[in-house]
C-alpha atoms as a PDB file:
ATOM      1  CA  VAL A   1    -104.690-121.555 -33.655  1.00  0.00           C
ATOM      2  CA  SER A   2    -103.386-124.982 -34.552  1.00  0.00           C
ATOM      3  CA  LEU A   3    -104.607-128.658 -34.073  1.00  0.00           C
ATOM      4  CA  SER A   4    -102.125-131.613 -33.078  1.00  0.00           C
ATOM      5  CA  GLY A   5    -102.178-135.157 -32.163  1.00  0.00           C
ATOM      6  CA  ASN A   6    -102.429-138.570 -34.087  1.00  0.00           C
ATOM      7  CA  ASP A   7    -105.752-137.702 -35.472  1.00  0.00           C
ATOM      8  CA  HIS A   8    -105.709-134.001 -35.757  1.00  0.00           C
ATOM      9  CA  GLY A   9    -106.563-134.240 -39.531  1.00  0.00           C
ATOM     10  CA  ASN A  10    -109.969-135.818 -38.872  1.00  0.00           C
ATOM     11  CA  TYR A  11    -110.820-132.442 -37.175  1.00  0.00           C
ATOM     12  CA  VAL A  12    -111.656-128.587 -38.464  1.00  0.00           C
ATOM     13  CA  LEU A  13    -111.168-126.005 -35.996  1.00  0.00           C
ATOM     14  CA  GLY A  14    -114.267-123.932 -35.536  1.00  0.00           C
ATOM     15  CA  THR A  15    -114.076-120.931 -33.204  1.00  0.00           C
ATOM     16  CA  VAL A  16    -112.243-120.736 -29.941  1.00  0.00           C
ATOM     17  CA  SER A  17    -113.739-118.466 -27.096  1.00  0.00           C
ATOM     18  CA  GLY A  18    -112.619-117.549 -23.662  1.00  0.00           C
ATOM     19  CA  THR A  19    -113.100-114.827 -21.206  1.00  0.00           C
ATOM     20  CA  GLY A  20    -110.548-112.414 -19.397  1.00  0.00           C
ATOM     21  CA  THR A  21    -110.784-110.088 -16.739  1.00  0.00           C
ATOM     22  CA  ILE A  22    -108.456-106.835 -16.185  1.00  0.00           C
ATOM     23  CA  THR A  23    -109.146-105.391 -12.540  1.00  0.00           C
ATOM     24  CA  PRO A  24    -108.132-101.689 -11.735  1.00  0.00           C
ATOM     25  CA  ALA A  25    -104.594-101.625 -10.425  1.00  0.00           C
ATOM     26  CA  GLY A  26    -105.718 -99.561  -7.357  1.00  0.00           C
ATOM     27  CA  THR A  27    -104.583 -96.466  -5.599  1.00  0.00           C
ATOM     28  CA  ASP A  28    -102.095 -97.493  -2.851  1.00  0.00           C
ATOM     29  CA  ALA A  29     -99.040 -96.729  -5.304  1.00  0.00           C
ATOM     30  CA  LEU A  30    -100.781 -93.101  -6.267  1.00  0.00           C
ATOM     31  CA  SER A  31    -100.771 -89.710  -4.924  1.00  0.00           C
ATOM     32  CA  LEU A  32    -103.078 -87.054  -5.395  1.00  0.00           C
ATOM     33  CA  SER A  33    -101.991 -83.621  -4.497  1.00  0.00           C
ATOM     34  CA  ALA A  34    -103.376 -80.243  -4.492  1.00  0.00           C
ATOM     35  CA  THR A  35    -102.564 -76.661  -3.823  1.00  0.00           C
ATOM     36  CA  ARG A  36    -105.021 -74.070  -2.287  1.00  0.00           C
ATOM     37  CA  TYR A  37    -105.587 -70.242  -2.776  1.00  0.00           C
ATOM     38  CA  ASN A  38    -104.167 -68.515   0.103  1.00  0.00           C
ATOM     39  CA  ASP A  39    -103.745 -64.826  -0.473  1.00  0.00           C
ATOM     40  CA  GLN A  40    -104.744 -61.445   0.521  1.00  0.00           C
ATOM     41  CA  TYR A  41    -108.210 -59.781  -0.292  1.00  0.00           C
ATOM     42  CA  ASP A  42    -108.192 -58.120  -3.748  1.00  0.00           C
ATOM     43  CA  GLY A  43    -111.943 -58.024  -4.647  1.00  0.00           C
ATOM     44  CA  ALA A  44    -111.578 -60.486  -7.371  1.00  0.00           C
ATOM     45  CA  ALA A  45    -112.684 -64.101  -7.340  1.00  0.00           C
ATOM     46  CA  HIS A  46    -110.146 -66.933  -7.315  1.00  0.00           C
ATOM     47  CA  ASP A  47    -110.068 -70.446  -7.768  1.00  0.00           C
ATOM     48  CA  ALA A  48    -110.036 -72.433  -4.215  1.00  0.00           C
ATOM     49  CA  VAL A  49    -107.887 -74.944  -5.767  1.00  0.00           C
ATOM     50  CA  THR A  50    -104.636 -73.469  -7.701  1.00  0.00           C
ATOM     51  CA  SER A  51    -103.381 -76.728  -9.030  1.00  0.00           C
ATOM     52  CA  TYR A  52    -103.929 -80.376  -8.637  1.00  0.00           C
ATOM     53  CA  GLY A  53    -102.704 -83.620 -10.138  1.00  0.00           C
ATOM     54  CA  VAL A  54    -102.090 -87.343  -9.651  1.00  0.00           C
ATOM     55  CA  THR A  55     -98.545 -88.967  -9.700  1.00  0.00           C
ATOM     56  CA  GLY A  56     -97.486 -92.453  -9.852  1.00  0.00           C
ATOM     57  CA  ALA A  57     -99.870 -93.765 -12.828  1.00  0.00           C
ATOM     58  CA  LEU A  58     -98.768 -94.604 -16.333  1.00  0.00           C
ATOM     59  CA  GLU A  59     -97.793 -91.718 -18.571  1.00  0.00           C
ATOM     60  CA  GLY A  60    -100.684 -90.415 -20.411  1.00  0.00           C
ATOM     61  CA  THR A  61    -103.053 -91.442 -17.848  1.00  0.00           C
ATOM     62  CA  GLU A  62    -106.258 -89.046 -17.925  1.00  0.00           C
ATOM     63  CA  TRP A  63    -108.192 -88.221 -14.879  1.00  0.00           C
ATOM     64  CA  ASP A  64    -111.446 -86.794 -14.077  1.00  0.00           C
ATOM     65  CA  TYR A  65    -111.470 -84.169 -11.278  1.00  0.00           C
ATOM     66  CA  THR A  66    -114.397 -83.130  -9.221  1.00  0.00           C
ATOM     67  CA  PHE A  67    -114.664 -80.705  -6.380  1.00  0.00           C
ATOM     68  CA  SER A  68    -117.068 -80.404  -2.954  1.00  0.00           C
ATOM     69  CA  THR A  69    -117.171 -77.770  -0.115  1.00  0.00           C
ATOM     70  CA  ASP A  70    -119.516 -79.969   1.982  1.00  0.00           C
ATOM     71  CA  GLY A  71    -117.212 -82.637   2.983  1.00  0.00           C
ATOM     72  CA  GLU A  72    -115.242 -85.829   1.283  1.00  0.00           C
ATOM     73  CA  ASP A  73    -118.761 -87.755   1.027  1.00  0.00           C
ATOM     74  CA  GLY A  74    -120.732 -84.499  -0.170  1.00  0.00           C
ATOM     75  CA  THR A  75    -121.807 -83.331  -3.521  1.00  0.00           C
ATOM     76  CA  PHE A  76    -118.914 -83.385  -6.063  1.00  0.00           C
ATOM     77  CA  GLY A  77    -119.181 -81.327  -9.296  1.00  0.00           C
ATOM     78  CA  GLU A  78    -116.872 -80.345 -12.193  1.00  0.00           C
ATOM     79  CA  GLU A  79    -117.199 -76.608 -11.297  1.00  0.00           C
ATOM     80  CA  MET A  80    -114.377 -75.349  -9.285  1.00  0.00           C
ATOM     81  CA  PRO A  81    -115.298 -73.309  -6.039  1.00  0.00           C
ATOM     82  CA  LYS A  82    -114.435 -69.620  -6.098  1.00  0.00           C
ATOM     83  CA  VAL A  83    -113.182 -67.552  -3.322  1.00  0.00           C
ATOM     84  CA  THR A  84    -113.490 -63.489  -3.324  1.00  0.00           C
ATOM     85  CA  ASN A  85    -114.029 -62.305   0.501  1.00  0.00           C
ATOM     86  CA  VAL A  86    -112.426 -63.273   3.818  1.00  0.00           C
ATOM     87  CA  ASP A  87    -115.682 -65.124   4.445  1.00  0.00           C
ATOM     88  CA  ASP A  88    -115.319 -67.393   1.764  1.00  0.00           C
ATOM     89  CA  SER A  89    -112.471 -68.921   3.109  1.00  0.00           C
ATOM     90  CA  THR A  90    -113.423 -73.017   2.771  1.00  0.00           C
ATOM     91  CA  ASP A  91    -112.399 -76.414   2.836  1.00  0.00           C
ATOM     92  CA  VAL A  92    -112.418 -78.075  -0.627  1.00  0.00           C
ATOM     93  CA  TRP A  93    -112.337 -81.641  -1.450  1.00  0.00           C
ATOM     94  CA  VAL A  94    -110.510 -82.653  -4.618  1.00  0.00           C
ATOM     95  CA  LYS A  95    -111.633 -86.036  -6.141  1.00  0.00           C
ATOM     96  CA  ALA A  96    -109.516 -87.732  -8.867  1.00  0.00           C
ATOM     97  CA  TYR A  97    -110.971 -90.887 -10.841  1.00  0.00           C
ATOM     98  CA  ASN A  98    -109.960 -93.054 -13.287  1.00  0.00           C
ATOM     99  CA  ALA A  99    -111.484 -96.429 -14.211  1.00  0.00           C
ATOM    100  CA  ASN A 100    -108.238 -98.119 -14.550  1.00  0.00           C
ATOM    101  CA  TYR A 101    -107.161 -97.164 -11.147  1.00  0.00           C
ATOM    102  CA  GLY A 102    -109.972 -96.149  -8.775  1.00  0.00           C
ATOM    103  CA  GLU A 103    -110.435 -93.035  -6.868  1.00  0.00           C
ATOM    104  CA  LEU A 104    -108.247 -90.470  -4.929  1.00  0.00           C
ATOM    105  CA  THR A 105    -109.455 -87.741  -2.718  1.00  0.00           C
ATOM    106  CA  PHE A 106    -107.262 -84.569  -1.221  1.00  0.00           C
ATOM    107  CA  LYS A 107    -108.367 -81.686   1.061  1.00  0.00           C
ATOM    108  CA  VAL A 108    -107.100 -78.106   0.889  1.00  0.00           C
ATOM    109  CA  ALA A 109    -108.090 -74.934   3.081  1.00  0.00           C
ATOM    110  CA  ALA A 110    -108.940 -72.265   0.889  1.00  0.00           C
ATOM    111  CA  ALA A 111    -108.001 -69.032   2.428  1.00  0.00           C
ATOM    112  CA  VAL A 112    -108.650 -65.345   1.753  1.00  0.00           C
ATOM    113  CA  THR A 113    -106.699 -63.240   4.136  1.00  0.00           C
ATOM    114  CA  PRO A 114    -107.625 -59.488   5.001  1.00  0.00           C
ATOM    115  CA  ILE A 115    -105.867 -56.531   4.233  1.00  0.00           C
ATOM    116  CA  THR A 116    -104.103 -54.268   6.811  1.00  0.00           C
ATOM    117  CA  VAL A 117    -105.068 -50.513   6.682  1.00  0.00           C
ATOM    118  CA  ASP A 118    -103.774 -47.714   8.489  1.00  0.00           C
ATOM    119  CA  GLY A 119    -105.943 -44.754   9.714  1.00  0.00           C
ATOM    120  CA  THR A 120    -105.054 -41.321  10.482  1.00  0.00           C
ATOM    121  CA  ILE A 121    -106.737 -38.845  12.835  1.00  0.00           C
ATOM    122  CA  ALA A 122    -106.510 -35.184  11.934  1.00  0.00           C
ATOM    123  CA  THR A 123    -104.147 -32.939  14.321  1.00  0.00           C
ATOM    124  CA  VAL A 124    -106.296 -31.704  17.229  1.00  0.00           C
ATOM    125  CA  THR A 125    -105.473 -28.641  19.135  1.00  0.00           C
ATOM    126  CA  LYS A 126    -106.850 -27.236  22.439  1.00  0.00           C
ATOM    127  CA  PRO A 127    -105.505 -24.601  25.035  1.00  0.00           C
ATOM    128  CA  TYR A 128    -103.781 -26.103  28.175  1.00  0.00           C
ATOM    129  CA  ASP A 129    -106.435 -27.156  30.656  1.00  0.00           C
ATOM    130  CA  GLY A 130    -104.732 -29.375  32.785  1.00  0.00           C
ATOM    131  CA  SER A 131    -106.046 -32.896  31.095  1.00  0.00           C
ATOM    132  CA  ALA A 132    -105.087 -34.987  28.292  1.00  0.00           C
ATOM    133  CA  GLU A 133    -108.698 -35.355  27.362  1.00  0.00           C
ATOM    134  CA  LEU A 134    -110.114 -34.292  24.034  1.00  0.00           C
ATOM    135  CA  VAL A 135    -112.336 -31.692  24.048  1.00  0.00           C
ATOM    136  CA  GLU A 136    -115.658 -30.705  22.157  1.00  0.00           C
ATOM    137  CA  GLY A 137    -114.809 -29.937  18.461  1.00  0.00           C
ATOM    138  CA  ASN A 138    -111.712 -32.021  18.505  1.00  0.00           C
ATOM    139  CA  SER A 139    -112.516 -34.325  15.724  1.00  0.00           C
ATOM    140  CA  THR A 140    -111.848 -38.368  15.805  1.00  0.00           C
ATOM    141  CA  ALA A 141    -112.452 -38.693  12.127  1.00  0.00           C
ATOM    142  CA  ILE A 142    -110.017 -41.103  10.629  1.00  0.00           C
ATOM    143  CA  ASP A 143    -108.610 -41.230   7.186  1.00  0.00           C
ATOM    144  CA  LEU A 144    -107.974 -44.711   6.009  1.00  0.00           C
ATOM    145  CA  SER A 145    -105.275 -45.398   3.434  1.00  0.00           C
ATOM    146  CA  GLY A 146    -104.758 -48.979   1.626  1.00  0.00           C
ATOM    147  CA  VAL A 147    -108.423 -49.295   0.882  1.00  0.00           C
ATOM    148  CA  LEU A 148    -109.093 -50.786  -2.596  1.00  0.00           C
ATOM    149  CA  PRO A 149    -110.655 -48.379  -5.010  1.00  0.00           C
ATOM    150  CA  GLN A 150    -114.118 -50.396  -5.098  1.00  0.00           C
ATOM    151  CA  ASP A 151    -114.208 -50.043  -1.309  1.00  0.00           C
ATOM    152  CA  ASP A 152    -113.408 -46.603  -0.746  1.00  0.00           C
ATOM    153  CA  GLU A 153    -116.922 -45.371  -0.855  1.00  0.00           C
ATOM    154  CA  THR A 154    -118.115 -47.968   1.808  1.00  0.00           C
ATOM    155  CA  LEU A 155    -115.102 -48.579   4.247  1.00  0.00           C
ATOM    156  CA  ALA A 156    -115.058 -46.556   7.154  1.00  0.00           C
ATOM    157  CA  ALA A 157    -113.238 -46.536  10.738  1.00  0.00           C
ATOM    158  CA  SER A 158    -114.591 -44.578  13.805  1.00  0.00           C
ATOM    159  CA  VAL A 159    -113.297 -44.395  17.544  1.00  0.00           C
ATOM    160  CA  SER A 160    -114.887 -42.491  20.282  1.00  0.00           C
ATOM    161  CA  ALA A 161    -113.354 -39.437  21.849  1.00  0.00           C
ATOM    162  CA  GLU A 162    -113.213 -40.871  25.116  1.00  0.00           C
ATOM    163  CA  ASP A 163    -110.496 -43.621  23.619  1.00  0.00           C
ATOM    164  CA  VAL A 164    -108.596 -40.971  22.039  1.00  0.00           C
ATOM    165  CA  SER A 165    -106.344 -38.401  24.278  1.00  0.00           C
ATOM    166  CA  TYR A 166    -103.452 -36.155  23.914  1.00  0.00           C
ATOM    167  CA  ALA A 167     -99.986 -37.510  24.557  1.00  0.00           C
ATOM    168  CA  ARG A 168    -100.008 -35.799  27.995  1.00  0.00           C
ATOM    169  CA  ALA A 169    -101.496 -33.091  29.975  1.00  0.00           C
ATOM    170  CA  GLU A 170     -98.676 -30.751  29.812  1.00  0.00           C
ATOM    171  CA  VAL A 171     -98.182 -28.123  26.992  1.00  0.00           C
ATOM    172  CA  HIS A 172     -96.547 -29.675  23.646  1.00  0.00           C
ATOM    173  CA  THR A 173     -96.465 -29.589  19.998  1.00  0.00           C
ATOM    174  CA  GLY A 174     -97.182 -32.264  17.412  1.00  0.00           C
ATOM    175  CA  GLU A 175     -96.915 -35.245  19.644  1.00  0.00           C
ATOM    176  CA  ALA A 176     -98.671 -38.897  18.647  1.00  0.00           C
ATOM    177  CA  LEU A 177    -102.350 -39.112  20.005  1.00  0.00           C
ATOM    178  CA  VAL A 178    -102.869 -41.896  22.270  1.00  0.00           C
ATOM    179  CA  ILE A 179    -105.457 -44.215  20.917  1.00  0.00           C
ATOM    180  CA  ASP A 180    -106.983 -47.323  22.231  1.00  0.00           C
ATOM    181  CA  GLN A 181    -106.612 -49.011  19.087  1.00  0.00           C
ATOM    182  CA  SER A 182    -108.988 -52.271  20.458  1.00  0.00           C
ATOM    183  CA  LYS A 183    -111.940 -49.527  20.158  1.00  0.00           C
ATOM    184  CA  VAL A 184    -111.198 -48.321  16.618  1.00  0.00           C
ATOM    185  CA  SER A 185    -113.921 -50.150  14.562  1.00  0.00           C
ATOM    186  CA  LEU A 186    -114.494 -50.780  10.604  1.00  0.00           C
ATOM    187  CA  SER A 187    -117.769 -50.368   9.168  1.00  0.00           C
ATOM    188  CA  GLY A 188    -119.051 -50.957   5.547  1.00  0.00           C
ATOM    189  CA  ASN A 189    -120.317 -53.509   3.193  1.00  0.00           C
ATOM    190  CA  ASP A 190    -116.783 -55.421   3.012  1.00  0.00           C
ATOM    191  CA  HIS A 191    -115.250 -54.173   6.578  1.00  0.00           C
ATOM    192  CA  GLY A 192    -114.660 -57.994   6.916  1.00  0.00           C
ATOM    193  CA  ASN A 193    -112.013 -58.154   4.116  1.00  0.00           C
ATOM    194  CA  TYR A 194    -109.975 -55.504   6.054  1.00  0.00           C
END
């Protein structure tokens, strides 16, 4: 800092002070994106948001990320929400904050989709009686395939005998049973995942 003027030699500079302000750049030129979890039930816990990040800021900018499952104005925390079962599917809000820019939010819909399993009824037989209906002793027990090992002991399928019939009333061999698929029901602790 220098002094000038005709009489500057009569002065000695003490201190020079001032104030300055840098305001946040704002987020209009930025973009927050996130990718949801969206996959079939596998019995494991998964991050509800699989990736997220901000673009458009200066290189090296670090962001604080928080998450909420109860709305954009809900409670945000650093812990990542998890999804395991079909009924865990939920909306997740991701918030990014940096003091030099401000705050952005982005919503994703995390989803766990059910597994499709197939069922088989063991072969049934009866003497010709003019009807295609099952008779006493014809079992409608269903054997399921495609069930995860941890659910194999509890998941079951059932259908009433009146919702199953032979292919036709005449004599025949090895033809597919007629099964009312809408009447087949699943039960067990995790049946909602199938």
